[in-house]
Every structure is written in C-alpha cells, then in structure tokens.
Amino acid sequence: MFKRAKEDEDEEEKSATLEDFGMDVDKLLKAKQKEAKKAAKEKLSTLFARFRPQFPEISP
C-alpha cells in the first residue's frame, strides 16, 4: 500500500508541466530576449563607434 501511495505522488509530480509554470517561463523568455537585444545593441554601437571614423557614410 505504501508503494502505491509513493507511485501516486510520483505521478502527481510528473504531471506538473510547463503549463503550470507557463507564466514564469514566458517571463524568463522575455527577460532573456530583452537582455540579448540590449547586448546586441551595445555591440553594434561599439562597432559603429570604432568604424565610423574610417567610414563616415555608415550611420546607425
């Protein structure tokens, strides 16, 4: 009987899916995307700052 109760608990733990944590996953994904976008903008601005004196026709 104890073994059966343990199996039921395991099934309940496994039944927790991403839908249960969907909001958290969405928030994390948006935060990561925002972070990546910010890093990309910083890289581009660094590149523009470095190469603008050599190529004045390049504008951000």
Foldseek 3Di string as FASTA:
>chain_A
DVVVVVVVVVVVVVPDDCVVVVVVVVVVVVVVVVVVVVVVVVVVVVVCVVCCVVPVVDDD
